[in-house]
Amino acid sequence: MVRLRERLPDLELVSAREPHSVVDFLRSEGFDLNEGIVLIESGSIHFGDRAMHRIANLTNNKSVFNALNRWVFRSERRSRTLYPFLKSGRRMLLRIMGRKPIEQND
């Protein structure tokens, strides 16, 4: 994350579980924040596998994790293929931890 902040100095991490104007905006645009990660960069919204792909292209290979992450998600095809497994793993982990899905406040 530190290296990503070096590439994107204005990076702001926002928890969709907490009130925030960005969360409200994304919901108003129809994004289900239980369904994927979001990266807003220069006015473009990247969601799910496209966000992972973009983040991978912004990171460097200075650590083993970053190198692996970048190799896996640098390919749009691999991102599209593997992202659903990441989502399933996240859901399973949240269920184990007793966390409920993010409220949509429709």
PDB file of N, CA and C in Angstrom:
ATOM      1  N   MET A   1       0.827  -1.189   0.000  1.00  0.00           N
ATOM      2  CA  MET A   1       0.000   0.000   0.000  1.00  0.00           C
ATOM      3  C   MET A   1       0.871   1.253   0.000  1.00  0.00           C
ATOM      4  N   VAL A   2       1.999   1.199   0.702  1.00  0.00           N
ATOM      5  CA  VAL A   2       2.892   2.354   0.754  1.00  0.00           C
ATOM      6  C   VAL A   2       3.380   2.699  -0.640  1.00  0.00           C
ATOM      7  N   ARG A   3       3.768   1.690  -1.410  1.00  0.00           N
ATOM      8  CA  ARG A   3       4.271   1.938  -2.765  1.00  0.00           C
ATOM      9  C   ARG A   3       3.162   2.440  -3.677  1.00  0.00           C
ATOM     10  N   LEU A   4       1.950   1.989  -3.460  1.00  0.00           N
ATOM     11  CA  LEU A   4       0.822   2.494  -4.238  1.00  0.00           C
ATOM     12  C   LEU A   4       0.599   3.970  -3.920  1.00  0.00           C
ATOM     13  N   ARG A   5       0.750   4.324  -2.655  1.00  0.00           N
ATOM     14  CA  ARG A   5       0.622   5.737  -2.263  1.00  0.00           C
ATOM     15  C   ARG A   5       1.718   6.590  -2.902  1.00  0.00           C
ATOM     16  N   GLU A   6       2.902   5.989  -3.138  1.00  0.00           N
ATOM     17  CA  GLU A   6       3.965   6.728  -3.824  1.00  0.00           C
ATOM     18  C   GLU A   6       3.539   7.066  -5.247  1.00  0.00           C
ATOM     19  N   ARG A   7       2.845   6.146  -5.902  1.00  0.00           N
ATOM     20  CA  ARG A   7       2.391   6.368  -7.277  1.00  0.00           C
ATOM     21  C   ARG A   7       1.154   7.240  -7.327  1.00  0.00           C
ATOM     22  N   LEU A   8       0.313   7.159  -6.292  1.00  0.00           N
ATOM     23  CA  LEU A   8      -0.920   7.944  -6.212  1.00  0.00           C
ATOM     24  C   LEU A   8      -0.923   8.701  -4.885  1.00  0.00           C
ATOM     25  N   PRO A   9      -0.225   9.836  -4.822  1.00  0.00           N
ATOM     26  CA  PRO A   9      -0.096  10.540  -3.546  1.00  0.00           C
ATOM     27  C   PRO A   9      -1.425  11.003  -2.948  1.00  0.00           C
ATOM     28  N   ASP A  10      -2.449  11.163  -3.780  1.00  0.00           N
ATOM     29  CA  ASP A  10      -3.757  11.594  -3.281  1.00  0.00           C
ATOM     30  C   ASP A  10      -4.672  10.421  -2.956  1.00  0.00           C
ATOM     31  N   LEU A  11      -4.107   9.205  -2.910  1.00  0.00           N
ATOM     32  CA  LEU A  11      -4.893   8.010  -2.636  1.00  0.00           C
ATOM     33  C   LEU A  11      -5.601   8.130  -1.290  1.00  0.00           C
ATOM     34  N   GLU A  12      -6.879   7.853  -1.305  1.00  0.00           N
ATOM     35  CA  GLU A  12      -7.671   7.854  -0.077  1.00  0.00           C
ATOM     36  C   GLU A  12      -8.390   6.519   0.004  1.00  0.00           C
ATOM     37  N   LEU A  13      -8.124   5.775   1.052  1.00  0.00           N
ATOM     38  CA  LEU A  13      -8.832   4.517   1.273  1.00  0.00           C
ATOM     39  C   LEU A  13     -10.115   4.823   2.022  1.00  0.00           C
ATOM     40  N   VAL A  14     -11.211   4.307   1.531  1.00  0.00           N
ATOM     41  CA  VAL A  14     -12.515   4.571   2.128  1.00  0.00           C
ATOM     42  C   VAL A  14     -13.179   3.242   2.448  1.00  0.00           C
ATOM     43  N   SER A  15     -13.655   3.100   3.660  1.00  0.00           N
ATOM     44  CA  SER A  15     -14.399   1.916   4.054  1.00  0.00           C
ATOM     45  C   SER A  15     -15.866   2.122   3.675  1.00  0.00           C
ATOM     46  N   ALA A  16     -16.408   1.204   2.899  1.00  0.00           N
ATOM     47  CA  ALA A  16     -17.813   1.298   2.505  1.00  0.00           C
ATOM     48  C   ALA A  16     -18.744   1.018   3.672  1.00  0.00           C
ATOM     49  N   ARG A  17     -18.187   0.570   4.791  1.00  0.00           N
ATOM     50  CA  ARG A  17     -18.998   0.316   5.987  1.00  0.00           C
ATOM     51  C   ARG A  17     -19.203   1.587   6.816  1.00  0.00           C
ATOM     52  N   GLU A  18     -18.483   2.638   6.478  1.00  0.00           N
ATOM     53  CA  GLU A  18     -18.576   3.902   7.211  1.00  0.00           C
ATOM     54  C   GLU A  18     -19.215   4.967   6.315  1.00  0.00           C
ATOM     55  N   PRO A  19     -19.937   5.918   6.911  1.00  0.00           N
ATOM     56  CA  PRO A  19     -20.522   6.994   6.097  1.00  0.00           C
ATOM     57  C   PRO A  19     -19.423   7.808   5.400  1.00  0.00           C
ATOM     58  N   HIS A  20     -19.598   8.036   4.113  1.00  0.00           N
ATOM     59  CA  HIS A  20     -18.627   8.817   3.352  1.00  0.00           C
ATOM     60  C   HIS A  20     -19.295   9.277   2.055  1.00  0.00           C
ATOM     61  N   SER A  21     -18.962  10.467   1.613  1.00  0.00           N
ATOM     62  CA  SER A  21     -19.563  11.002   0.386  1.00  0.00           C
ATOM     63  C   SER A  21     -19.239  10.149  -0.838  1.00  0.00           C
ATOM     64  N   VAL A  22     -18.062   9.554  -0.881  1.00  0.00           N
ATOM     65  CA  VAL A  22     -17.692   8.692  -2.013  1.00  0.00           C
ATOM     66  C   VAL A  22     -18.580   7.449  -2.034  1.00  0.00           C
ATOM     67  N   VAL A  23     -18.848   6.887  -0.868  1.00  0.00           N
ATOM     68  CA  VAL A  23     -19.726   5.719  -0.772  1.00  0.00           C
ATOM     69  C   VAL A  23     -21.126   6.091  -1.256  1.00  0.00           C
ATOM     70  N   ASP A  24     -21.623   7.244  -0.814  1.00  0.00           N
ATOM     71  CA  ASP A  24     -22.940   7.717  -1.254  1.00  0.00           C
ATOM     72  C   ASP A  24     -22.975   7.899  -2.770  1.00  0.00           C
ATOM     73  N   PHE A  25     -21.913   8.489  -3.324  1.00  0.00           N
ATOM     74  CA  PHE A  25     -21.841   8.706  -4.767  1.00  0.00           C
ATOM     75  C   PHE A  25     -21.863   7.378  -5.519  1.00  0.00           C
ATOM     76  N   LEU A  26     -21.047   6.424  -5.086  1.00  0.00           N
ATOM     77  CA  LEU A  26     -20.991   5.131  -5.770  1.00  0.00           C
ATOM     78  C   LEU A  26     -22.335   4.414  -5.712  1.00  0.00           C
ATOM     79  N   ARG A  27     -22.985   4.475  -4.581  1.00  0.00           N
ATOM     80  CA  ARG A  27     -24.320   3.864  -4.474  1.00  0.00           C
ATOM     81  C   ARG A  27     -25.301   4.546  -5.409  1.00  0.00           C
ATOM     82  N   SER A  28     -25.236   5.874  -5.487  1.00  0.00           N
ATOM     83  CA  SER A  28     -26.157   6.600  -6.371  1.00  0.00           C
ATOM     84  C   SER A  28     -25.901   6.276  -7.840  1.00  0.00           C
ATOM     85  N   GLU A  29     -24.693   5.855  -8.148  1.00  0.00           N
ATOM     86  CA  GLU A  29     -24.340   5.451  -9.515  1.00  0.00           C
ATOM     87  C   GLU A  29     -24.671   3.986  -9.776  1.00  0.00           C
ATOM     88  N   GLY A  30     -25.212   3.307  -8.756  1.00  0.00           N
ATOM     89  CA  GLY A  30     -25.659   1.932  -8.931  1.00  0.00           C
ATOM     90  C   GLY A  30     -24.641   0.850  -8.610  1.00  0.00           C
ATOM     91  N   PHE A  31     -23.538   1.206  -7.978  1.00  0.00           N
ATOM     92  CA  PHE A  31     -22.537   0.207  -7.621  1.00  0.00           C
ATOM     93  C   PHE A  31     -22.950  -0.512  -6.340  1.00  0.00           C
ATOM     94  N   ASP A  32     -22.905  -1.843  -6.379  1.00  0.00           N
ATOM     95  CA  ASP A  32     -23.130  -2.661  -5.185  1.00  0.00           C
ATOM     96  C   ASP A  32     -21.759  -2.927  -4.587  1.00  0.00           C
ATOM     97  N   LEU A  33     -21.454  -2.268  -3.493  1.00  0.00           N
ATOM     98  CA  LEU A  33     -20.126  -2.336  -2.909  1.00  0.00           C
ATOM     99  C   LEU A  33     -19.822  -3.675  -2.245  1.00  0.00           C
ATOM    100  N   ASN A  34     -20.818  -4.556  -2.167  1.00  0.00           N
ATOM    101  CA  ASN A  34     -20.565  -5.926  -1.727  1.00  0.00           C
ATOM    102  C   ASN A  34     -20.009  -6.766  -2.876  1.00  0.00           C
ATOM    103  N   GLU A  35     -20.124  -6.269  -4.072  1.00  0.00           N
ATOM    104  CA  GLU A  35     -19.742  -7.029  -5.256  1.00  0.00           C
ATOM    105  C   GLU A  35     -18.351  -6.717  -5.783  1.00  0.00           C
ATOM    106  N   GLY A  36     -17.685  -5.709  -5.223  1.00  0.00           N
ATOM    107  CA  GLY A  36     -16.354  -5.465  -5.738  1.00  0.00           C
ATOM    108  C   GLY A  36     -15.648  -4.262  -5.170  1.00  0.00           C
ATOM    109  N   ILE A  37     -14.352  -4.250  -5.422  1.00  0.00           N
ATOM    110  CA  ILE A  37     -13.480  -3.152  -5.043  1.00  0.00           C
ATOM    111  C   ILE A  37     -13.645  -2.041  -6.077  1.00  0.00           C
ATOM    112  N   VAL A  38     -13.441  -0.797  -5.645  1.00  0.00           N
ATOM    113  CA  VAL A  38     -13.572   0.344  -6.542  1.00  0.00           C
ATOM    114  C   VAL A  38     -12.307   1.191  -6.460  1.00  0.00           C
ATOM    115  N   LEU A  39     -11.842   1.607  -7.630  1.00  0.00           N
ATOM    116  CA  LEU A  39     -10.755   2.575  -7.717  1.00  0.00           C
ATOM    117  C   LEU A  39     -11.264   3.724  -8.569  1.00  0.00           C
ATOM    118  N   ILE A  40     -11.249   4.921  -8.003  1.00  0.00           N
ATOM    119  CA  ILE A  40     -11.595   6.121  -8.759  1.00  0.00           C
ATOM    120  C   ILE A  40     -10.288   6.844  -9.016  1.00  0.00           C
ATOM    121  N   GLU A  41      -9.970   6.997 -10.286  1.00  0.00           N
ATOM    122  CA  GLU A  41      -8.696   7.594 -10.672  1.00  0.00           C
ATOM    123  C   GLU A  41      -8.938   8.587 -11.806  1.00  0.00           C
ATOM    124  N   SER A  42      -8.606   9.835 -11.556  1.00  0.00           N
ATOM    125  CA  SER A  42      -8.748  10.882 -12.573  1.00  0.00           C
ATOM    126  C   SER A  42     -10.148  10.901 -13.173  1.00  0.00           C
ATOM    127  N   GLY A  43     -11.154  10.720 -12.323  1.00  0.00           N
ATOM    128  CA  GLY A  43     -12.538  10.774 -12.776  1.00  0.00           C
ATOM    129  C   GLY A  43     -13.067   9.485 -13.380  1.00  0.00           C
ATOM    130  N   SER A  44     -12.199   8.494 -13.572  1.00  0.00           N
ATOM    131  CA  SER A  44     -12.638   7.193 -14.096  1.00  0.00           C
ATOM    132  C   SER A  44     -12.899   6.253 -12.938  1.00  0.00           C
ATOM    133  N   ILE A  45     -13.993   5.506 -13.040  1.00  0.00           N
ATOM    134  CA  ILE A  45     -14.338   4.531 -12.010  1.00  0.00           C
ATOM    135  C   ILE A  45     -13.989   3.146 -12.527  1.00  0.00           C
ATOM    136  N   HIS A  46     -13.117   2.458 -11.794  1.00  0.00           N
ATOM    137  CA  HIS A  46     -12.734   1.085 -12.104  1.00  0.00           C
ATOM    138  C   HIS A  46     -13.355   0.209 -11.023  1.00  0.00           C
ATOM    139  N   PHE A  47     -14.059  -0.837 -11.433  1.00  0.00           N
ATOM    140  CA  PHE A  47     -14.797  -1.665 -10.492  1.00  0.00           C
ATOM    141  C   PHE A  47     -14.412  -3.130 -10.651  1.00  0.00           C
ATOM    142  N   GLY A  48     -14.306  -3.835  -9.524  1.00  0.00           N
ATOM    143  CA  GLY A  48     -14.070  -5.276  -9.540  1.00  0.00           C
ATOM    144  C   GLY A  48     -12.756  -5.648 -10.185  1.00  0.00           C
ATOM    145  N   ASP A  49     -12.820  -6.550 -11.161  1.00  0.00           N
ATOM    146  CA  ASP A  49     -11.594  -7.038 -11.795  1.00  0.00           C
ATOM    147  C   ASP A  49     -10.839  -5.916 -12.507  1.00  0.00           C
ATOM    148  N   ARG A  50     -11.559  -4.927 -13.032  1.00  0.00           N
ATOM    149  CA  ARG A  50     -10.883  -3.800 -13.698  1.00  0.00           C
ATOM    150  C   ARG A  50     -10.114  -2.961 -12.686  1.00  0.00           C
ATOM    151  N   ALA A  51     -10.643  -2.822 -11.466  1.00  0.00           N
ATOM    152  CA  ALA A  51      -9.926  -2.088 -10.413  1.00  0.00           C
ATOM    153  C   ALA A  51      -8.667  -2.843 -10.001  1.00  0.00           C
ATOM    154  N   MET A  52      -8.775  -4.154  -9.835  1.00  0.00           N
ATOM    155  CA  MET A  52      -7.599  -4.949  -9.474  1.00  0.00           C
ATOM    156  C   MET A  52      -6.539  -4.866 -10.569  1.00  0.00           C
ATOM    157  N   HIS A  53      -6.974  -4.934 -11.815  1.00  0.00           N
ATOM    158  CA  HIS A  53      -6.058  -4.831 -12.947  1.00  0.00           C
ATOM    159  C   HIS A  53      -5.342  -3.481 -12.936  1.00  0.00           C
ATOM    160  N   ARG A  54      -6.093  -2.420 -12.708  1.00  0.00           N
ATOM    161  CA  ARG A  54      -5.495  -1.071 -12.697  1.00  0.00           C
ATOM    162  C   ARG A  54      -4.521  -0.910 -11.530  1.00  0.00           C
ATOM    163  N   ILE A  55      -4.898  -1.384 -10.354  1.00  0.00           N
ATOM    164  CA  ILE A  55      -4.020  -1.293  -9.177  1.00  0.00           C
ATOM    165  C   ILE A  55      -2.731  -2.071  -9.441  1.00  0.00           C
ATOM    166  N   ALA A  56      -2.848  -3.245 -10.031  1.00  0.00           N
ATOM    167  CA  ALA A  56      -1.653  -4.047 -10.337  1.00  0.00           C
ATOM    168  C   ALA A  56      -0.720  -3.296 -11.277  1.00  0.00           C
ATOM    169  N   ASN A  57      -1.284  -2.551 -12.201  1.00  0.00           N
ATOM    170  CA  ASN A  57      -0.453  -1.796 -13.135  1.00  0.00           C
ATOM    171  C   ASN A  57       0.154  -0.549 -12.503  1.00  0.00           C
ATOM    172  N   LEU A  58      -0.337  -0.161 -11.354  1.00  0.00           N
ATOM    173  CA  LEU A  58       0.209   1.010 -10.654  1.00  0.00           C
ATOM    174  C   LEU A  58       1.278   0.630  -9.636  1.00  0.00           C
ATOM    175  N   THR A  59       1.335  -0.642  -9.274  1.00  0.00           N
ATOM    176  CA  THR A  59       2.319  -1.075  -8.274  1.00  0.00           C
ATOM    177  C   THR A  59       3.633  -1.446  -8.943  1.00  0.00           C
ATOM    178  N   ASN A  60       4.628  -1.705  -8.113  1.00  0.00           N
ATOM    179  CA  ASN A  60       5.930  -2.116  -8.638  1.00  0.00           C
ATOM    180  C   ASN A  60       6.260  -3.521  -8.132  1.00  0.00           C
ATOM    181  N   ASN A  61       7.422  -4.009  -8.477  1.00  0.00           N
ATOM    182  CA  ASN A  61       7.822  -5.368  -8.114  1.00  0.00           C
ATOM    183  C   ASN A  61       8.799  -5.404  -6.947  1.00  0.00           C
ATOM    184  N   LYS A  62       8.796  -4.414  -6.069  1.00  0.00           N
ATOM    185  CA  LYS A  62       9.808  -4.335  -5.013  1.00  0.00           C
ATOM    186  C   LYS A  62       9.617  -5.346  -3.888  1.00  0.00           C
ATOM    187  N   SER A  63       8.485  -5.986  -3.828  1.00  0.00           N
ATOM    188  CA  SER A  63       8.293  -7.040  -2.825  1.00  0.00           C
ATOM    189  C   SER A  63       7.741  -8.266  -3.534  1.00  0.00           C
ATOM    190  N   VAL A  64       7.862  -9.412  -2.897  1.00  0.00           N
ATOM    191  CA  VAL A  64       7.367 -10.660  -3.480  1.00  0.00           C
ATOM    192  C   VAL A  64       5.860 -10.570  -3.688  1.00  0.00           C
ATOM    193  N   PHE A  65       5.146 -10.038  -2.688  1.00  0.00           N
ATOM    194  CA  PHE A  65       3.688  -9.919  -2.801  1.00  0.00           C
ATOM    195  C   PHE A  65       3.322  -9.015  -3.976  1.00  0.00           C
ATOM    196  N   ASN A  66       3.969  -7.851  -4.077  1.00  0.00           N
ATOM    197  CA  ASN A  66       3.659  -6.944  -5.180  1.00  0.00           C
ATOM    198  C   ASN A  66       3.975  -7.568  -6.529  1.00  0.00           C
ATOM    199  N   ALA A  67       5.097  -8.274  -6.606  1.00  0.00           N
ATOM    200  CA  ALA A  67       5.474  -8.913  -7.872  1.00  0.00           C
ATOM    201  C   ALA A  67       4.442  -9.965  -8.269  1.00  0.00           C
ATOM    202  N   LEU A  68       4.007 -10.773  -7.304  1.00  0.00           N
ATOM    203  CA  LEU A  68       3.006 -11.798  -7.584  1.00  0.00           C
ATOM    204  C   LEU A  68       1.674 -11.157  -7.955  1.00  0.00           C
ATOM    205  N   ASN A  69       1.247 -10.189  -7.157  1.00  0.00           N
ATOM    206  CA  ASN A  69      -0.003  -9.481  -7.420  1.00  0.00           C
ATOM    207  C   ASN A  69       0.029  -8.836  -8.799  1.00  0.00           C
ATOM    208  N   ARG A  70       1.126  -8.196  -9.121  1.00  0.00           N
ATOM    209  CA  ARG A  70       1.239  -7.526 -10.411  1.00  0.00           C
ATOM    210  C   ARG A  70       1.203  -8.542 -11.555  1.00  0.00           C
ATOM    211  N   TRP A  71       1.921  -9.665 -11.399  1.00  0.00           N
ATOM    212  CA  TRP A  71       1.913 -10.670 -12.454  1.00  0.00           C
ATOM    213  C   TRP A  71       0.507 -11.224 -12.673  1.00  0.00           C
ATOM    214  N   VAL A  72      -0.191 -11.530 -11.573  1.00  0.00           N
ATOM    215  CA  VAL A  72      -1.524 -12.129 -11.684  1.00  0.00           C
ATOM    216  C   VAL A  72      -2.520 -11.154 -12.298  1.00  0.00           C
ATOM    217  N   PHE A  73      -2.575  -9.943 -11.772  1.00  0.00           N
ATOM    218  CA  PHE A  73      -3.637  -9.023 -12.170  1.00  0.00           C
ATOM    219  C   PHE A  73      -3.252  -8.052 -13.284  1.00  0.00           C
ATOM    220  N   ARG A  74      -2.023  -8.119 -13.745  1.00  0.00           N
ATOM    221  CA  ARG A  74      -1.613  -7.257 -14.845  1.00  0.00           C
ATOM    222  C   ARG A  74      -2.315  -7.644 -16.144  1.00  0.00           C
ATOM    223  N   SER A  75      -2.670  -8.896 -16.246  1.00  0.00           N
ATOM    224  CA  SER A  75      -3.410  -9.391 -17.402  1.00  0.00           C
ATOM    225  C   SER A  75      -4.912  -9.183 -17.166  1.00  0.00           C
ATOM    226  N   GLU A  76      -5.572  -8.532 -18.115  1.00  0.00           N
ATOM    227  CA  GLU A  76      -7.023  -8.338 -17.980  1.00  0.00           C
ATOM    228  C   GLU A  76      -7.744  -9.685 -17.933  1.00  0.00           C
ATOM    229  N   ARG A  77      -7.271 -10.608 -18.713  1.00  0.00           N
ATOM    230  CA  ARG A  77      -7.908 -11.931 -18.756  1.00  0.00           C
ATOM    231  C   ARG A  77      -7.778 -12.652 -17.419  1.00  0.00           C
ATOM    232  N   ARG A  78      -6.565 -12.657 -16.842  1.00  0.00           N
ATOM    233  CA  ARG A  78      -6.384 -13.295 -15.530  1.00  0.00           C
ATOM    234  C   ARG A  78      -7.194 -12.576 -14.465  1.00  0.00           C
ATOM    235  N   SER A  79      -7.243 -11.254 -14.532  1.00  0.00           N
ATOM    236  CA  SER A  79      -8.036 -10.490 -13.558  1.00  0.00           C
ATOM    237  C   SER A  79      -9.498 -10.896 -13.623  1.00  0.00           C
ATOM    238  N   ARG A  80     -10.031 -10.949 -14.841  1.00  0.00           N
ATOM    239  CA  ARG A  80     -11.436 -11.311 -15.036  1.00  0.00           C
ATOM    240  C   ARG A  80     -11.707 -12.742 -14.560  1.00  0.00           C
ATOM    241  N   THR A  81     -10.745 -13.634 -14.779  1.00  0.00           N
ATOM    242  CA  THR A  81     -10.908 -15.037 -14.402  1.00  0.00           C
ATOM    243  C   THR A  81     -10.790 -15.253 -12.895  1.00  0.00           C
ATOM    244  N   LEU A  82      -9.804 -14.602 -12.268  1.00  0.00           N
ATOM    245  CA  LEU A  82      -9.514 -14.855 -10.854  1.00  0.00           C
ATOM    246  C   LEU A  82     -10.319 -14.000  -9.877  1.00  0.00           C
ATOM    247  N   TYR A  83     -10.797 -12.845 -10.310  1.00  0.00           N
ATOM    248  CA  TYR A  83     -11.486 -11.943  -9.395  1.00  0.00           C
ATOM    249  C   TYR A  83     -12.687 -12.597  -8.696  1.00  0.00           C
ATOM    250  N   PRO A  84     -13.518 -13.374  -9.400  1.00  0.00           N
ATOM    251  CA  PRO A  84     -14.640 -14.019  -8.697  1.00  0.00           C
ATOM    252  C   PRO A  84     -14.195 -14.918  -7.535  1.00  0.00           C
ATOM    253  N   PHE A  85     -13.038 -15.547  -7.660  1.00  0.00           N
ATOM    254  CA  PHE A  85     -12.532 -16.385  -6.573  1.00  0.00           C
ATOM    255  C   PHE A  85     -12.130 -15.516  -5.370  1.00  0.00           C
ATOM    256  N   LEU A  86     -11.554 -14.351  -5.645  1.00  0.00           N
ATOM    257  CA  LEU A  86     -11.220 -13.422  -4.556  1.00  0.00           C
ATOM    258  C   LEU A  86     -12.486 -12.960  -3.837  1.00  0.00           C
ATOM    259  N   LYS A  87     -13.519 -12.633  -4.610  1.00  0.00           N
ATOM    260  CA  LYS A  87     -14.791 -12.215  -4.005  1.00  0.00           C
ATOM    261  C   LYS A  87     -15.374 -13.313  -3.129  1.00  0.00           C
ATOM    262  N   SER A  88     -15.334 -14.544  -3.632  1.00  0.00           N
ATOM    263  CA  SER A  88     -15.860 -15.674  -2.851  1.00  0.00           C
ATOM    264  C   SER A  88     -15.066 -15.868  -1.572  1.00  0.00           C
ATOM    265  N   GLY A  89     -13.750 -15.756  -1.667  1.00  0.00           N
ATOM    266  CA  GLY A  89     -12.909 -15.872  -0.480  1.00  0.00           C
ATOM    267  C   GLY A  89     -13.205 -14.788   0.534  1.00  0.00           C
ATOM    268  N   ARG A  90     -13.414 -13.563   0.046  1.00  0.00           N
ATOM    269  CA  ARG A  90     -13.754 -12.453   0.938  1.00  0.00           C
ATOM    270  C   ARG A  90     -15.075 -12.717   1.645  1.00  0.00           C
ATOM    271  N   ARG A  91     -16.079 -13.152   0.876  1.00  0.00           N
ATOM    272  CA  ARG A  91     -17.390 -13.447   1.475  1.00  0.00           C
ATOM    273  C   ARG A  91     -17.275 -14.525   2.551  1.00  0.00           C
ATOM    274  N   MET A  92     -16.520 -15.567   2.240  1.00  0.00           N
ATOM    275  CA  MET A  92     -16.349 -16.666   3.195  1.00  0.00           C
ATOM    276  C   MET A  92     -15.644 -16.168   4.458  1.00  0.00           C
ATOM    277  N   LEU A  93     -14.590 -15.390   4.287  1.00  0.00           N
ATOM    278  CA  LEU A  93     -13.861 -14.862   5.432  1.00  0.00           C
ATOM    279  C   LEU A  93     -14.746 -13.948   6.281  1.00  0.00           C
ATOM    280  N   LEU A  94     -15.530 -13.084   5.640  1.00  0.00           N
ATOM    281  CA  LEU A  94     -16.433 -12.197   6.389  1.00  0.00           C
ATOM    282  C   LEU A  94     -17.484 -13.005   7.148  1.00  0.00           C
ATOM    283  N   ARG A  95     -17.984 -14.072   6.527  1.00  0.00           N
ATOM    284  CA  ARG A  95     -18.969 -14.926   7.192  1.00  0.00           C
ATOM    285  C   ARG A  95     -18.352 -15.587   8.420  1.00  0.00           C
ATOM    286  N   ILE A  96     -17.127 -16.095   8.270  1.00  0.00           N
ATOM    287  CA  ILE A  96     -16.421 -16.726   9.389  1.00  0.00           C
ATOM    288  C   ILE A  96     -16.219 -15.719  10.514  1.00  0.00           C
ATOM    289  N   MET A  97     -15.919 -14.478  10.144  1.00  0.00           N
ATOM    290  CA  MET A  97     -15.684 -13.424  11.138  1.00  0.00           C
ATOM    291  C   MET A  97     -16.986 -12.876  11.717  1.00  0.00           C
ATOM    292  N   GLY A  98     -18.125 -13.314  11.179  1.00  0.00           N
ATOM    293  CA  GLY A  98     -19.414 -12.848  11.673  1.00  0.00           C
ATOM    294  C   GLY A  98     -19.799 -11.465  11.167  1.00  0.00           C
ATOM    295  N   ARG A  99     -19.186 -11.014  10.089  1.00  0.00           N
ATOM    296  CA  ARG A  99     -19.487  -9.689   9.521  1.00  0.00           C
ATOM    297  C   ARG A  99     -20.622  -9.802   8.516  1.00  0.00           C
ATOM    298  N   LYS A 100     -21.524  -8.854   8.547  1.00  0.00           N
ATOM    299  CA  LYS A 100     -22.659  -8.830   7.627  1.00  0.00           C
ATOM    300  C   LYS A 100     -22.266  -8.073   6.365  1.00  0.00           C
ATOM    301  N   PRO A 101     -23.013  -8.292   5.272  1.00  0.00           N
ATOM    302  CA  PRO A 101     -22.752  -7.526   4.053  1.00  0.00           C
ATOM    303  C   PRO A 101     -22.927  -6.020   4.312  1.00  0.00           C
ATOM    304  N   ILE A 102     -22.319  -5.224   3.467  1.00  0.00           N
ATOM    305  CA  ILE A 102     -22.425  -3.770   3.574  1.00  0.00           C
ATOM    306  C   ILE A 102     -23.862  -3.369   3.266  1.00  0.00           C
ATOM    307  N   GLU A 103     -24.425  -2.521   4.117  1.00  0.00           N
ATOM    308  CA  GLU A 103     -25.795  -2.060   3.900  1.00  0.00           C
ATOM    309  C   GLU A 103     -25.828  -1.165   2.684  1.00  0.00           C
ATOM    310  N   GLN A 104     -26.872  -1.340   1.864  1.00  0.00           N
ATOM    311  CA  GLN A 104     -26.967  -0.592   0.627  1.00  0.00           C
ATOM    312  C   GLN A 104     -27.744   0.714   0.778  1.00  0.00           C
ATOM    313  N   ASN A 105     -28.587   0.836   1.792  1.00  0.00           N
ATOM    314  CA  ASN A 105     -29.353   2.071   2.040  1.00  0.00           C
ATOM    315  C   ASN A 105     -30.039   2.594   0.792  1.00  0.00           C
ATOM    316  N   ASP A 106     -30.777   1.719   0.118  1.00  0.00           N
ATOM    317  CA  ASP A 106     -31.444   2.131  -1.108  1.00  0.00           C
ATOM    318  C   ASP A 106     -32.601   3.042  -0.843  1.00  0.00           C
TER     319      ASP A 106
END
